[in-house]
Amino acid sequence: MNGKLQAEKRETTTRGELRKVRMAGKVPGVIYGKDVESPTSISVDAKRLQALLRSNPHAILEMEIEGLVTQPVMITDVQRDTLSRELLHIDFHKINMNESVKAPVRIEVTGTSAAEKEGGMMQLILHEVEVECLPNQLPEMIAVDVAQMQVGDNLTVGDLRMPEGVRATLDPDTVVLAVLAPQKDVTADEADAMDDASEEAANQAKTGETVDK
């Protein structure tokens, strides 16, 4: 488990009641899952939730609800106001600790490549990679050491060092990051081409398609 989260069960779902929940510094939400007979409406502290979303939005949490059995959950959907970014609603999915789950895990780049020291540019194409594993094996991040990478090198999903028991769900050839030549050596047309390639790789990663090299 990555942390505990206190929640209160709520019965009403009218707009007026939801507004009162938010004015009280809480975020309305719901818990669902295949072992849940019907979705449970809850509210959680907004500040605590904000802290969780900043540190590890895909963490396995121990949900404590007064009068109910403590249960492991994952955050599956967050709704925010498009202008103020205020948290409006959150969905939790009850999980079985003995069954595999799929979740995105952030990529964390470490080190500085020799190419960067010479003016090259590191381009991170995927900021997250979806993995599958048991809940207690879900990592907070996947570290990528770029110290040995040279200009023209790229790193794919298949190159990532996954912890034991963790499997990436994306195609192994999907590009995670690339080392570009020094900016002064890149023409405008080449820069546009690289931007197009990066956008294509990101879109293909979302759909699970293969990235052509």
N, C-alpha and C. Protein backbone atom coordinates (compact mmCIF):
# COMPACT_ATOMS: atom_id res chain seq x y z
N MET A 1 0.84 -1.20 0.00
CA MET A 1 0.00 0.00 0.00
C MET A 1 0.88 1.25 0.00
N ASN A 2 0.43 2.28 -0.72
CA ASN A 2 1.17 3.52 -0.78
C ASN A 2 0.66 4.58 0.19
N GLY A 3 -0.43 4.29 0.88
CA GLY A 3 -0.95 5.29 1.81
C GLY A 3 -2.39 4.99 2.19
N LYS A 4 -2.85 5.74 3.17
CA LYS A 4 -4.23 5.60 3.63
C LYS A 4 -5.03 6.84 3.26
N LEU A 5 -6.30 6.66 3.07
CA LEU A 5 -7.18 7.77 2.75
C LEU A 5 -8.49 7.60 3.50
N GLN A 6 -8.82 8.58 4.32
CA GLN A 6 -10.08 8.57 5.05
C GLN A 6 -11.19 9.08 4.16
N ALA A 7 -12.34 8.46 4.25
CA ALA A 7 -13.49 8.90 3.45
C ALA A 7 -14.76 8.80 4.29
N GLU A 8 -15.75 9.57 3.91
CA GLU A 8 -17.06 9.53 4.56
C GLU A 8 -18.10 9.08 3.55
N LYS A 9 -18.96 8.20 3.98
CA LYS A 9 -20.04 7.75 3.11
C LYS A 9 -21.10 8.84 3.03
N ARG A 10 -21.64 9.06 1.85
CA ARG A 10 -22.70 10.05 1.68
C ARG A 10 -23.87 9.40 0.95
N GLU A 11 -25.04 9.92 1.22
CA GLU A 11 -26.25 9.32 0.66
C GLU A 11 -26.84 10.15 -0.48
N THR A 12 -26.68 11.46 -0.42
CA THR A 12 -27.34 12.33 -1.38
C THR A 12 -26.42 12.68 -2.55
N THR A 13 -27.02 12.91 -3.71
CA THR A 13 -26.23 13.23 -4.89
C THR A 13 -26.80 14.43 -5.66
N THR A 14 -27.68 15.21 -5.04
CA THR A 14 -28.24 16.38 -5.72
C THR A 14 -27.16 17.44 -5.90
N ARG A 15 -27.36 18.34 -6.84
CA ARG A 15 -26.38 19.39 -7.08
C ARG A 15 -26.16 20.24 -5.84
N GLY A 16 -27.24 20.53 -5.13
CA GLY A 16 -27.12 21.34 -3.93
C GLY A 16 -26.27 20.67 -2.87
N GLU A 17 -26.47 19.37 -2.68
CA GLU A 17 -25.70 18.63 -1.68
C GLU A 17 -24.24 18.51 -2.10
N LEU A 18 -23.99 18.29 -3.39
CA LEU A 18 -22.62 18.20 -3.87
C LEU A 18 -21.90 19.53 -3.67
N ARG A 19 -22.62 20.63 -3.88
CA ARG A 19 -22.03 21.95 -3.67
C ARG A 19 -21.64 22.13 -2.20
N LYS A 20 -22.49 21.65 -1.29
CA LYS A 20 -22.19 21.76 0.14
C LYS A 20 -20.95 20.95 0.49
N VAL A 21 -20.82 19.77 -0.13
CA VAL A 21 -19.65 18.92 0.12
C VAL A 21 -18.38 19.67 -0.26
N ARG A 22 -18.39 20.30 -1.43
CA ARG A 22 -17.19 21.02 -1.91
C ARG A 22 -16.91 22.25 -1.06
N MET A 23 -17.96 22.94 -0.62
CA MET A 23 -17.77 24.12 0.22
C MET A 23 -17.18 23.75 1.57
N ALA A 24 -17.37 22.50 1.98
CA ALA A 24 -16.82 22.02 3.25
C ALA A 24 -15.38 21.55 3.10
N GLY A 25 -14.78 21.77 1.94
CA GLY A 25 -13.39 21.38 1.73
C GLY A 25 -13.22 19.92 1.38
N LYS A 26 -14.26 19.31 0.81
CA LYS A 26 -14.18 17.90 0.46
C LYS A 26 -14.53 17.71 -1.02
N VAL A 27 -14.16 16.54 -1.53
CA VAL A 27 -14.43 16.20 -2.92
C VAL A 27 -15.36 14.99 -2.96
N PRO A 28 -16.49 15.11 -3.64
CA PRO A 28 -17.37 13.94 -3.77
C PRO A 28 -16.75 12.90 -4.70
N GLY A 29 -17.06 11.64 -4.41
CA GLY A 29 -16.51 10.58 -5.23
C GLY A 29 -17.35 9.33 -5.15
N VAL A 30 -16.87 8.29 -5.81
CA VAL A 30 -17.58 7.02 -5.81
C VAL A 30 -16.58 5.88 -5.87
N ILE A 31 -16.92 4.77 -5.23
CA ILE A 31 -16.11 3.55 -5.28
C ILE A 31 -16.90 2.49 -6.02
N TYR A 32 -16.25 1.85 -7.00
CA TYR A 32 -16.90 0.77 -7.73
C TYR A 32 -15.89 -0.36 -7.96
N GLY A 33 -16.34 -1.45 -8.50
CA GLY A 33 -15.48 -2.60 -8.74
C GLY A 33 -16.32 -3.84 -8.92
N LYS A 34 -15.69 -4.90 -9.44
CA LYS A 34 -16.46 -6.10 -9.74
C LYS A 34 -16.97 -6.79 -8.47
N ASP A 35 -16.32 -6.53 -7.33
CA ASP A 35 -16.77 -7.11 -6.07
C ASP A 35 -17.70 -6.18 -5.30
N VAL A 36 -18.03 -5.03 -5.89
CA VAL A 36 -18.91 -4.06 -5.24
C VAL A 36 -20.31 -4.21 -5.84
N GLU A 37 -21.29 -4.55 -5.00
CA GLU A 37 -22.64 -4.78 -5.50
C GLU A 37 -23.22 -3.54 -6.15
N SER A 38 -23.00 -2.39 -5.56
CA SER A 38 -23.45 -1.12 -6.14
C SER A 38 -22.44 -0.04 -5.76
N PRO A 39 -22.20 0.94 -6.63
CA PRO A 39 -21.23 1.99 -6.33
C PRO A 39 -21.53 2.69 -5.01
N THR A 40 -20.47 2.95 -4.24
CA THR A 40 -20.60 3.61 -2.95
C THR A 40 -20.22 5.08 -3.08
N SER A 41 -21.14 5.98 -2.76
CA SER A 41 -20.87 7.42 -2.82
C SER A 41 -20.14 7.85 -1.56
N ILE A 42 -19.05 8.60 -1.74
CA ILE A 42 -18.22 9.02 -0.62
C ILE A 42 -17.79 10.47 -0.82
N SER A 43 -17.09 11.01 0.19
CA SER A 43 -16.41 12.30 0.06
C SER A 43 -15.08 12.17 0.77
N VAL A 44 -14.05 12.86 0.23
CA VAL A 44 -12.71 12.80 0.81
C VAL A 44 -12.17 14.23 0.96
N ASP A 45 -11.22 14.40 1.87
CA ASP A 45 -10.63 15.71 2.12
C ASP A 45 -9.89 16.21 0.87
N ALA A 46 -10.21 17.43 0.44
CA ALA A 46 -9.64 17.96 -0.80
C ALA A 46 -8.13 18.16 -0.70
N LYS A 47 -7.63 18.65 0.43
CA LYS A 47 -6.20 18.90 0.57
C LYS A 47 -5.41 17.59 0.54
N ARG A 48 -5.91 16.59 1.23
CA ARG A 48 -5.24 15.29 1.24
C ARG A 48 -5.23 14.70 -0.16
N LEU A 49 -6.34 14.85 -0.85
CA LEU A 49 -6.44 14.31 -2.20
C LEU A 49 -5.49 15.03 -3.16
N GLN A 50 -5.40 16.36 -3.03
CA GLN A 50 -4.48 17.13 -3.87
C GLN A 50 -3.05 16.65 -3.67
N ALA A 51 -2.67 16.41 -2.41
CA ALA A 51 -1.32 15.95 -2.11
C ALA A 51 -1.05 14.59 -2.75
N LEU A 52 -2.03 13.70 -2.72
CA LEU A 52 -1.88 12.38 -3.33
C LEU A 52 -1.72 12.49 -4.85
N LEU A 53 -2.49 13.34 -5.46
CA LEU A 53 -2.44 13.50 -6.91
C LEU A 53 -1.11 14.10 -7.36
N ARG A 54 -0.51 14.93 -6.52
CA ARG A 54 0.79 15.51 -6.86
C ARG A 54 1.91 14.50 -6.71
N SER A 55 1.85 13.68 -5.67
CA SER A 55 2.95 12.76 -5.38
C SER A 55 2.87 11.45 -6.15
N ASN A 56 1.71 10.83 -6.18
CA ASN A 56 1.57 9.52 -6.84
C ASN A 56 0.10 9.28 -7.18
N PRO A 57 -0.35 9.83 -8.31
CA PRO A 57 -1.77 9.75 -8.65
C PRO A 57 -2.28 8.34 -8.94
N HIS A 58 -1.39 7.39 -9.13
CA HIS A 58 -1.82 6.02 -9.45
C HIS A 58 -1.48 5.04 -8.32
N ALA A 59 -1.33 5.57 -7.12
CA ALA A 59 -0.95 4.74 -5.98
C ALA A 59 -2.09 3.80 -5.57
N ILE A 60 -1.70 2.69 -4.93
CA ILE A 60 -2.66 1.80 -4.30
C ILE A 60 -2.94 2.36 -2.91
N LEU A 61 -4.19 2.65 -2.61
CA LEU A 61 -4.56 3.30 -1.36
C LEU A 61 -5.40 2.37 -0.48
N GLU A 62 -5.26 2.55 0.80
CA GLU A 62 -6.09 1.84 1.76
C GLU A 62 -7.22 2.78 2.16
N MET A 63 -8.39 2.53 1.62
CA MET A 63 -9.54 3.40 1.86
C MET A 63 -10.24 3.01 3.16
N GLU A 64 -10.35 3.97 4.06
CA GLU A 64 -11.02 3.75 5.34
C GLU A 64 -12.32 4.54 5.36
N ILE A 65 -13.44 3.81 5.47
CA ILE A 65 -14.76 4.43 5.53
C ILE A 65 -15.44 3.98 6.80
N GLU A 66 -15.88 4.94 7.59
CA GLU A 66 -16.52 4.60 8.87
C GLU A 66 -17.72 3.69 8.65
N GLY A 67 -17.74 2.58 9.37
CA GLY A 67 -18.85 1.64 9.28
C GLY A 67 -18.68 0.59 8.20
N LEU A 68 -17.62 0.72 7.40
CA LEU A 68 -17.39 -0.26 6.33
C LEU A 68 -16.00 -0.86 6.48
N VAL A 69 -15.79 -2.00 5.84
CA VAL A 69 -14.49 -2.67 5.90
C VAL A 69 -13.47 -1.87 5.09
N THR A 70 -12.26 -1.71 5.64
CA THR A 70 -11.18 -1.03 4.92
C THR A 70 -10.89 -1.80 3.63
N GLN A 71 -10.70 -1.07 2.54
CA GLN A 71 -10.54 -1.73 1.25
C GLN A 71 -9.46 -1.07 0.40
N PRO A 72 -8.70 -1.87 -0.39
CA PRO A 72 -7.69 -1.29 -1.28
C PRO A 72 -8.34 -0.74 -2.54
N VAL A 73 -7.93 0.47 -2.93
CA VAL A 73 -8.52 1.11 -4.10
C VAL A 73 -7.44 1.80 -4.93
N MET A 74 -7.79 2.13 -6.16
CA MET A 74 -6.96 2.94 -7.05
C MET A 74 -7.81 4.07 -7.60
N ILE A 75 -7.17 5.22 -7.85
CA ILE A 75 -7.87 6.33 -8.50
C ILE A 75 -7.96 6.02 -9.99
N THR A 76 -9.16 6.12 -10.55
CA THR A 76 -9.33 5.81 -11.97
C THR A 76 -9.77 7.01 -12.80
N ASP A 77 -10.39 8.01 -12.18
CA ASP A 77 -10.83 9.17 -12.95
C ASP A 77 -10.93 10.39 -12.04
N VAL A 78 -10.44 11.52 -12.53
CA VAL A 78 -10.49 12.78 -11.78
C VAL A 78 -11.14 13.83 -12.65
N GLN A 79 -12.17 14.46 -12.13
CA GLN A 79 -12.85 15.54 -12.86
C GLN A 79 -12.51 16.88 -12.21
N ARG A 80 -12.09 17.85 -13.05
CA ARG A 80 -11.74 19.18 -12.57
C ARG A 80 -12.52 20.23 -13.35
N ASP A 81 -12.69 21.40 -12.73
CA ASP A 81 -13.26 22.54 -13.42
C ASP A 81 -12.28 22.98 -14.50
N THR A 82 -12.75 23.19 -15.72
CA THR A 82 -11.86 23.51 -16.83
C THR A 82 -11.12 24.83 -16.66
N LEU A 83 -11.67 25.76 -15.90
CA LEU A 83 -11.04 27.07 -15.71
C LEU A 83 -10.25 27.14 -14.41
N SER A 84 -10.89 26.83 -13.31
CA SER A 84 -10.24 26.98 -11.99
C SER A 84 -9.38 25.78 -11.62
N ARG A 85 -9.57 24.62 -12.30
CA ARG A 85 -8.88 23.37 -12.00
C ARG A 85 -9.27 22.80 -10.63
N GLU A 86 -10.35 23.31 -10.07
CA GLU A 86 -10.86 22.78 -8.80
C GLU A 86 -11.30 21.34 -8.98
N LEU A 87 -10.99 20.49 -7.99
CA LEU A 87 -11.43 19.10 -8.03
C LEU A 87 -12.94 19.04 -7.86
N LEU A 88 -13.62 18.39 -8.80
CA LEU A 88 -15.08 18.31 -8.76
C LEU A 88 -15.58 16.93 -8.34
N HIS A 89 -14.90 15.89 -8.80
CA HIS A 89 -15.36 14.53 -8.52
C HIS A 89 -14.21 13.56 -8.77
N ILE A 90 -14.24 12.43 -8.06
CA ILE A 90 -13.18 11.44 -8.23
C ILE A 90 -13.75 10.04 -8.14
N ASP A 91 -13.24 9.16 -9.00
CA ASP A 91 -13.68 7.76 -9.01
C ASP A 91 -12.56 6.87 -8.47
N PHE A 92 -12.93 5.94 -7.61
CA PHE A 92 -12.01 4.94 -7.09
C PHE A 92 -12.47 3.56 -7.53
N HIS A 93 -11.50 2.69 -7.80
CA HIS A 93 -11.82 1.32 -8.18
C HIS A 93 -11.30 0.38 -7.11
N LYS A 94 -12.21 -0.39 -6.53
CA LYS A 94 -11.79 -1.38 -5.53
C LYS A 94 -11.07 -2.51 -6.24
N ILE A 95 -9.92 -2.91 -5.69
CA ILE A 95 -9.12 -3.94 -6.35
C ILE A 95 -8.92 -5.14 -5.44
N ASN A 96 -8.52 -6.23 -6.07
CA ASN A 96 -8.15 -7.45 -5.35
C ASN A 96 -6.63 -7.53 -5.33
N MET A 97 -6.02 -7.57 -4.15
CA MET A 97 -4.58 -7.56 -4.03
C MET A 97 -3.92 -8.80 -4.63
N ASN A 98 -4.73 -9.82 -4.95
CA ASN A 98 -4.18 -11.06 -5.53
C ASN A 98 -4.39 -11.13 -7.05
N GLU A 99 -4.92 -10.05 -7.63
CA GLU A 99 -5.15 -10.01 -9.07
C GLU A 99 -4.36 -8.86 -9.69
N SER A 100 -3.84 -9.09 -10.89
CA SER A 100 -3.05 -8.07 -11.58
C SER A 100 -3.89 -6.84 -11.92
N VAL A 101 -3.24 -5.69 -11.92
CA VAL A 101 -3.88 -4.44 -12.32
C VAL A 101 -3.03 -3.79 -13.41
N LYS A 102 -3.64 -2.92 -14.17
CA LYS A 102 -2.93 -2.12 -15.17
C LYS A 102 -2.99 -0.66 -14.73
N ALA A 103 -1.85 0.02 -14.79
CA ALA A 103 -1.81 1.41 -14.37
C ALA A 103 -0.65 2.13 -15.03
N PRO A 104 -0.79 3.42 -15.32
CA PRO A 104 0.34 4.18 -15.86
C PRO A 104 1.35 4.50 -14.77
N VAL A 105 2.62 4.44 -15.10
CA VAL A 105 3.70 4.77 -14.16
C VAL A 105 4.60 5.80 -14.83
N ARG A 106 4.98 6.83 -14.10
CA ARG A 106 5.77 7.91 -14.69
C ARG A 106 7.20 7.47 -14.99
N ILE A 107 7.76 8.07 -16.02
CA ILE A 107 9.16 7.86 -16.40
C ILE A 107 10.01 8.95 -15.75
N GLU A 108 11.05 8.57 -15.06
CA GLU A 108 11.95 9.54 -14.42
C GLU A 108 13.35 9.40 -15.00
N VAL A 109 13.80 10.45 -15.67
CA VAL A 109 15.12 10.44 -16.32
C VAL A 109 16.19 10.82 -15.30
N THR A 110 17.26 10.02 -15.25
CA THR A 110 18.38 10.32 -14.36
C THR A 110 19.67 10.44 -15.18
N GLY A 111 20.62 11.24 -14.66
CA GLY A 111 21.90 11.39 -15.34
C GLY A 111 21.83 12.41 -16.47
N THR A 112 22.99 12.72 -17.02
CA THR A 112 23.11 13.63 -18.16
C THR A 112 23.94 12.95 -19.23
N SER A 113 23.41 12.87 -20.43
CA SER A 113 24.12 12.18 -21.50
C SER A 113 25.28 13.02 -22.01
N ALA A 114 26.27 12.32 -22.59
CA ALA A 114 27.41 13.01 -23.18
C ALA A 114 26.94 13.93 -24.30
N ALA A 115 25.91 13.51 -25.02
CA ALA A 115 25.39 14.32 -26.11
C ALA A 115 24.84 15.66 -25.61
N GLU A 116 24.17 15.66 -24.46
CA GLU A 116 23.63 16.90 -23.91
C GLU A 116 24.75 17.86 -23.53
N LYS A 117 25.86 17.31 -23.02
CA LYS A 117 26.99 18.15 -22.63
C LYS A 117 27.61 18.83 -23.85
N GLU A 118 27.38 18.26 -25.02
CA GLU A 118 27.91 18.82 -26.25
C GLU A 118 26.86 19.63 -27.01
N GLY A 119 25.75 19.90 -26.36
CA GLY A 119 24.71 20.71 -26.99
C GLY A 119 23.54 19.95 -27.54
N GLY A 120 23.58 18.62 -27.43
CA GLY A 120 22.45 17.82 -27.89
C GLY A 120 21.23 18.02 -27.01
N MET A 121 20.11 17.51 -27.44
CA MET A 121 18.87 17.71 -26.70
C MET A 121 18.18 16.38 -26.43
N MET A 122 17.80 16.17 -25.18
CA MET A 122 17.08 14.97 -24.79
C MET A 122 15.59 15.24 -24.95
N GLN A 123 14.91 14.44 -25.73
CA GLN A 123 13.48 14.62 -25.96
C GLN A 123 12.72 13.45 -25.36
N LEU A 124 11.98 13.72 -24.29
CA LEU A 124 11.17 12.70 -23.64
C LEU A 124 9.82 12.65 -24.33
N ILE A 125 9.54 11.56 -25.00
CA ILE A 125 8.31 11.42 -25.79
C ILE A 125 7.18 10.87 -24.94
N LEU A 126 7.48 9.88 -24.11
CA LEU A 126 6.48 9.32 -23.20
C LEU A 126 6.83 9.71 -21.77
N HIS A 127 5.90 10.34 -21.08
CA HIS A 127 6.12 10.70 -19.69
C HIS A 127 5.63 9.61 -18.74
N GLU A 128 4.81 8.71 -19.27
CA GLU A 128 4.29 7.58 -18.51
C GLU A 128 4.27 6.34 -19.39
N VAL A 129 4.33 5.20 -18.75
CA VAL A 129 4.19 3.94 -19.47
C VAL A 129 3.23 3.05 -18.68
N GLU A 130 2.30 2.42 -19.37
CA GLU A 130 1.35 1.54 -18.69
C GLU A 130 2.01 0.21 -18.38
N VAL A 131 1.81 -0.27 -17.15
CA VAL A 131 2.37 -1.56 -16.76
C VAL A 131 1.27 -2.44 -16.19
N GLU A 132 1.58 -3.73 -16.10
CA GLU A 132 0.67 -4.69 -15.49
C GLU A 132 1.43 -5.49 -14.45
N CYS A 133 0.84 -5.61 -13.26
CA CYS A 133 1.48 -6.34 -12.16
C CYS A 133 0.49 -6.50 -11.02
N LEU A 134 0.91 -7.22 -9.99
CA LEU A 134 0.11 -7.29 -8.78
C LEU A 134 0.14 -5.93 -8.09
N PRO A 135 -0.93 -5.55 -7.40
CA PRO A 135 -0.99 -4.23 -6.79
C PRO A 135 0.20 -3.88 -5.89
N ASN A 136 0.68 -4.86 -5.11
CA ASN A 136 1.78 -4.55 -4.19
C ASN A 136 3.13 -4.47 -4.90
N GLN A 137 3.16 -4.72 -6.21
CA GLN A 137 4.39 -4.61 -6.98
C GLN A 137 4.42 -3.35 -7.85
N LEU A 138 3.34 -2.57 -7.82
CA LEU A 138 3.25 -1.39 -8.67
C LEU A 138 4.29 -0.35 -8.25
N PRO A 139 5.24 0.00 -9.14
CA PRO A 139 6.29 0.97 -8.78
C PRO A 139 5.77 2.41 -8.86
N GLU A 140 6.41 3.31 -8.09
CA GLU A 140 6.05 4.72 -8.16
C GLU A 140 6.54 5.33 -9.47
N MET A 141 7.66 4.85 -9.97
CA MET A 141 8.22 5.38 -11.21
C MET A 141 9.16 4.35 -11.82
N ILE A 142 9.49 4.56 -13.09
CA ILE A 142 10.47 3.75 -13.80
C ILE A 142 11.66 4.66 -14.11
N ALA A 143 12.83 4.36 -13.55
CA ALA A 143 14.01 5.19 -13.74
C ALA A 143 14.71 4.86 -15.06
N VAL A 144 15.16 5.90 -15.75
CA VAL A 144 15.89 5.73 -17.00
C VAL A 144 17.20 6.50 -16.90
N ASP A 145 18.32 5.79 -16.93
CA ASP A 145 19.64 6.41 -16.87
C ASP A 145 20.11 6.70 -18.29
N VAL A 146 20.34 7.99 -18.60
CA VAL A 146 20.69 8.37 -19.97
C VAL A 146 22.17 8.72 -20.12
N ALA A 147 22.97 8.44 -19.09
CA ALA A 147 24.37 8.87 -19.09
C ALA A 147 25.16 8.38 -20.30
N GLN A 148 24.83 7.19 -20.81
CA GLN A 148 25.61 6.62 -21.90
C GLN A 148 25.02 6.88 -23.28
N MET A 149 23.94 7.62 -23.35
CA MET A 149 23.28 7.82 -24.64
C MET A 149 23.99 8.88 -25.48
N GLN A 150 24.08 8.61 -26.78
CA GLN A 150 24.73 9.50 -27.73
C GLN A 150 23.71 10.10 -28.70
N VAL A 151 24.15 11.11 -29.47
CA VAL A 151 23.28 11.73 -30.46
C VAL A 151 22.78 10.66 -31.43
N GLY A 152 21.49 10.66 -31.67
CA GLY A 152 20.89 9.69 -32.58
C GLY A 152 20.35 8.47 -31.88
N ASP A 153 20.72 8.28 -30.61
CA ASP A 153 20.21 7.13 -29.85
C ASP A 153 18.75 7.36 -29.48
N ASN A 154 18.02 6.28 -29.34
CA ASN A 154 16.70 6.36 -28.73
C ASN A 154 16.50 5.17 -27.80
N LEU A 155 15.58 5.31 -26.91
CA LEU A 155 15.29 4.27 -25.94
C LEU A 155 13.83 3.88 -26.09
N THR A 156 13.57 2.59 -26.17
CA THR A 156 12.22 2.10 -26.38
C THR A 156 11.67 1.46 -25.10
N VAL A 157 10.40 1.14 -25.16
CA VAL A 157 9.75 0.47 -24.02
C VAL A 157 10.47 -0.83 -23.69
N GLY A 158 10.93 -1.53 -24.75
CA GLY A 158 11.64 -2.78 -24.54
C GLY A 158 12.97 -2.62 -23.84
N ASP A 159 13.53 -1.41 -23.86
CA ASP A 159 14.81 -1.15 -23.19
C ASP A 159 14.65 -0.83 -21.71
N LEU A 160 13.43 -0.54 -21.28
CA LEU A 160 13.21 -0.15 -19.89
C LEU A 160 13.49 -1.32 -18.95
N ARG A 161 14.12 -1.01 -17.83
CA ARG A 161 14.39 -2.03 -16.81
C ARG A 161 13.22 -2.06 -15.83
N MET A 162 12.40 -3.07 -15.99
CA MET A 162 11.22 -3.20 -15.15
C MET A 162 11.54 -3.98 -13.88
N PRO A 163 10.93 -3.59 -12.76
CA PRO A 163 11.11 -4.37 -11.53
C PRO A 163 10.55 -5.78 -11.71
N GLU A 164 10.99 -6.67 -10.89
CA GLU A 164 10.52 -8.06 -10.96
C GLU A 164 9.00 -8.12 -10.82
N GLY A 165 8.37 -8.87 -11.72
CA GLY A 165 6.93 -9.04 -11.65
C GLY A 165 6.14 -7.95 -12.37
N VAL A 166 6.84 -6.97 -12.95
CA VAL A 166 6.17 -5.85 -13.63
C VAL A 166 6.40 -5.97 -15.14
N ARG A 167 5.32 -5.83 -15.91
CA ARG A 167 5.40 -5.95 -17.37
C ARG A 167 4.78 -4.73 -18.04
N ALA A 168 5.49 -4.16 -19.00
CA ALA A 168 4.94 -3.04 -19.76
C ALA A 168 3.92 -3.57 -20.76
N THR A 169 2.80 -2.87 -20.92
CA THR A 169 1.75 -3.32 -21.84
C THR A 169 1.92 -2.76 -23.24
N LEU A 170 2.73 -1.72 -23.41
CA LEU A 170 2.93 -1.11 -24.73
C LEU A 170 3.84 -1.98 -25.59
N ASP A 171 3.78 -1.77 -26.90
CA ASP A 171 4.66 -2.47 -27.83
C ASP A 171 6.11 -2.17 -27.46
N PRO A 172 6.97 -3.18 -27.42
CA PRO A 172 8.38 -2.97 -27.03
C PRO A 172 9.11 -1.96 -27.90
N ASP A 173 8.67 -1.76 -29.15
CA ASP A 173 9.35 -0.84 -30.06
C ASP A 173 8.89 0.61 -29.90
N THR A 174 7.92 0.87 -29.01
CA THR A 174 7.46 2.23 -28.78
C THR A 174 8.59 3.08 -28.21
N VAL A 175 8.87 4.22 -28.83
CA VAL A 175 9.97 5.08 -28.40
C VAL A 175 9.58 5.87 -27.15
N VAL A 176 10.45 5.81 -26.15
CA VAL A 176 10.23 6.54 -24.90
C VAL A 176 10.94 7.89 -24.94
N LEU A 177 12.21 7.90 -25.35
CA LEU A 177 12.96 9.15 -25.47
C LEU A 177 14.01 9.02 -26.56
N ALA A 178 14.47 10.17 -27.03
CA ALA A 178 15.46 10.20 -28.10
C ALA A 178 16.46 11.32 -27.83
N VAL A 179 17.70 11.14 -28.32
CA VAL A 179 18.73 12.17 -28.19
C VAL A 179 18.89 12.84 -29.55
N LEU A 180 18.59 14.14 -29.60
CA LEU A 180 18.64 14.88 -30.85
C LEU A 180 19.97 15.61 -31.00
N ALA A 181 20.32 15.91 -32.24
CA ALA A 181 21.56 16.63 -32.53
C ALA A 181 21.48 18.04 -31.95
N PRO A 182 22.64 18.70 -31.74
CA PRO A 182 22.62 20.09 -31.27
C PRO A 182 21.72 20.95 -32.14
N GLN A 183 20.98 21.85 -31.50
CA GLN A 183 19.98 22.63 -32.21
C GLN A 183 20.55 23.38 -33.41
N LYS A 184 21.79 23.84 -33.32
CA LYS A 184 22.38 24.62 -34.42
C LYS A 184 22.57 23.77 -35.67
N ASP A 185 22.59 22.43 -35.51
CA ASP A 185 22.78 21.54 -36.65
C ASP A 185 21.46 21.05 -37.24
N VAL A 186 20.34 21.50 -36.65
CA VAL A 186 19.04 21.03 -37.08
C VAL A 186 18.34 22.10 -37.89
N THR A 187 17.96 21.77 -39.12
CA THR A 187 17.25 22.73 -39.95
C THR A 187 15.80 22.83 -39.49
N ALA A 188 15.12 23.85 -39.99
CA ALA A 188 13.71 24.03 -39.62
C ALA A 188 12.88 22.84 -40.07
N ASP A 189 13.18 22.33 -41.28
CA ASP A 189 12.42 21.18 -41.78
C ASP A 189 12.68 19.94 -40.93
N GLU A 190 13.93 19.76 -40.48
CA GLU A 190 14.26 18.61 -39.64
C GLU A 190 13.58 18.72 -38.29
N ALA A 191 13.53 19.94 -37.75
CA ALA A 191 12.88 20.15 -36.46
C ALA A 191 11.40 19.83 -36.55
N ASP A 192 10.77 20.27 -37.66
CA ASP A 192 9.35 19.97 -37.86
C ASP A 192 9.13 18.47 -37.98
N ALA A 193 10.03 17.80 -38.68
CA ALA A 193 9.91 16.35 -38.86
C ALA A 193 10.03 15.63 -37.53
N MET A 194 10.96 16.11 -36.67
CA MET A 194 11.14 15.47 -35.37
C MET A 194 9.92 15.70 -34.48
N ASP A 195 9.35 16.91 -34.57
CA ASP A 195 8.14 17.19 -33.79
C ASP A 195 7.00 16.30 -34.24
N ASP A 196 6.88 16.11 -35.57
CA ASP A 196 5.83 15.23 -36.09
C ASP A 196 6.04 13.79 -35.63
N ALA A 197 7.31 13.35 -35.63
CA ALA A 197 7.61 11.98 -35.20
C ALA A 197 7.29 11.78 -33.73
N SER A 198 7.60 12.81 -32.92
CA SER A 198 7.32 12.71 -31.49
C SER A 198 5.83 12.64 -31.23
N GLU A 199 5.07 13.47 -31.94
CA GLU A 199 3.62 13.47 -31.76
C GLU A 199 3.03 12.13 -32.20
N GLU A 200 3.54 11.59 -33.31
CA GLU A 200 3.06 10.30 -33.80
C GLU A 200 3.36 9.19 -32.80
N ALA A 201 4.57 9.22 -32.23
CA ALA A 201 4.94 8.19 -31.25
C ALA A 201 4.05 8.25 -30.03
N ALA A 202 3.76 9.47 -29.57
CA ALA A 202 2.91 9.62 -28.39
C ALA A 202 1.51 9.12 -28.67
N ASN A 203 0.98 9.44 -29.86
CA ASN A 203 -0.36 8.98 -30.22
C ASN A 203 -0.42 7.47 -30.35
N GLN A 204 0.63 6.88 -30.92
CA GLN A 204 0.67 5.43 -31.08
C GLN A 204 0.79 4.74 -29.74
N ALA A 205 1.49 5.36 -28.80
CA ALA A 205 1.62 4.78 -27.47
C ALA A 205 0.27 4.70 -26.79
N LYS A 206 -0.57 5.71 -27.03
CA LYS A 206 -1.89 5.72 -26.41
C LYS A 206 -2.79 4.64 -26.97
N THR A 207 -2.59 4.33 -28.26
CA THR A 207 -3.45 3.35 -28.90
C THR A 207 -2.84 1.96 -28.94
N GLY A 208 -1.58 1.84 -28.46
CA GLY A 208 -0.94 0.54 -28.44
C GLY A 208 -0.38 0.11 -29.78
N GLU A 209 -0.24 1.07 -30.72
CA GLU A 209 0.31 0.72 -32.03
C GLU A 209 1.82 0.67 -31.97
N THR A 210 2.44 0.05 -32.99
CA THR A 210 3.88 -0.05 -33.08
C THR A 210 4.45 1.23 -33.63
N VAL A 211 5.57 1.70 -33.08
CA VAL A 211 6.24 2.88 -33.58
C VAL A 211 7.30 2.43 -34.58
N ASP A 212 7.22 2.91 -35.80
CA ASP A 212 8.18 2.55 -36.81
C ASP A 212 9.49 3.28 -36.57
N LYS A 213 10.60 2.60 -36.69
CA LYS A 213 11.90 3.21 -36.52
C LYS A 213 12.41 3.72 -37.88
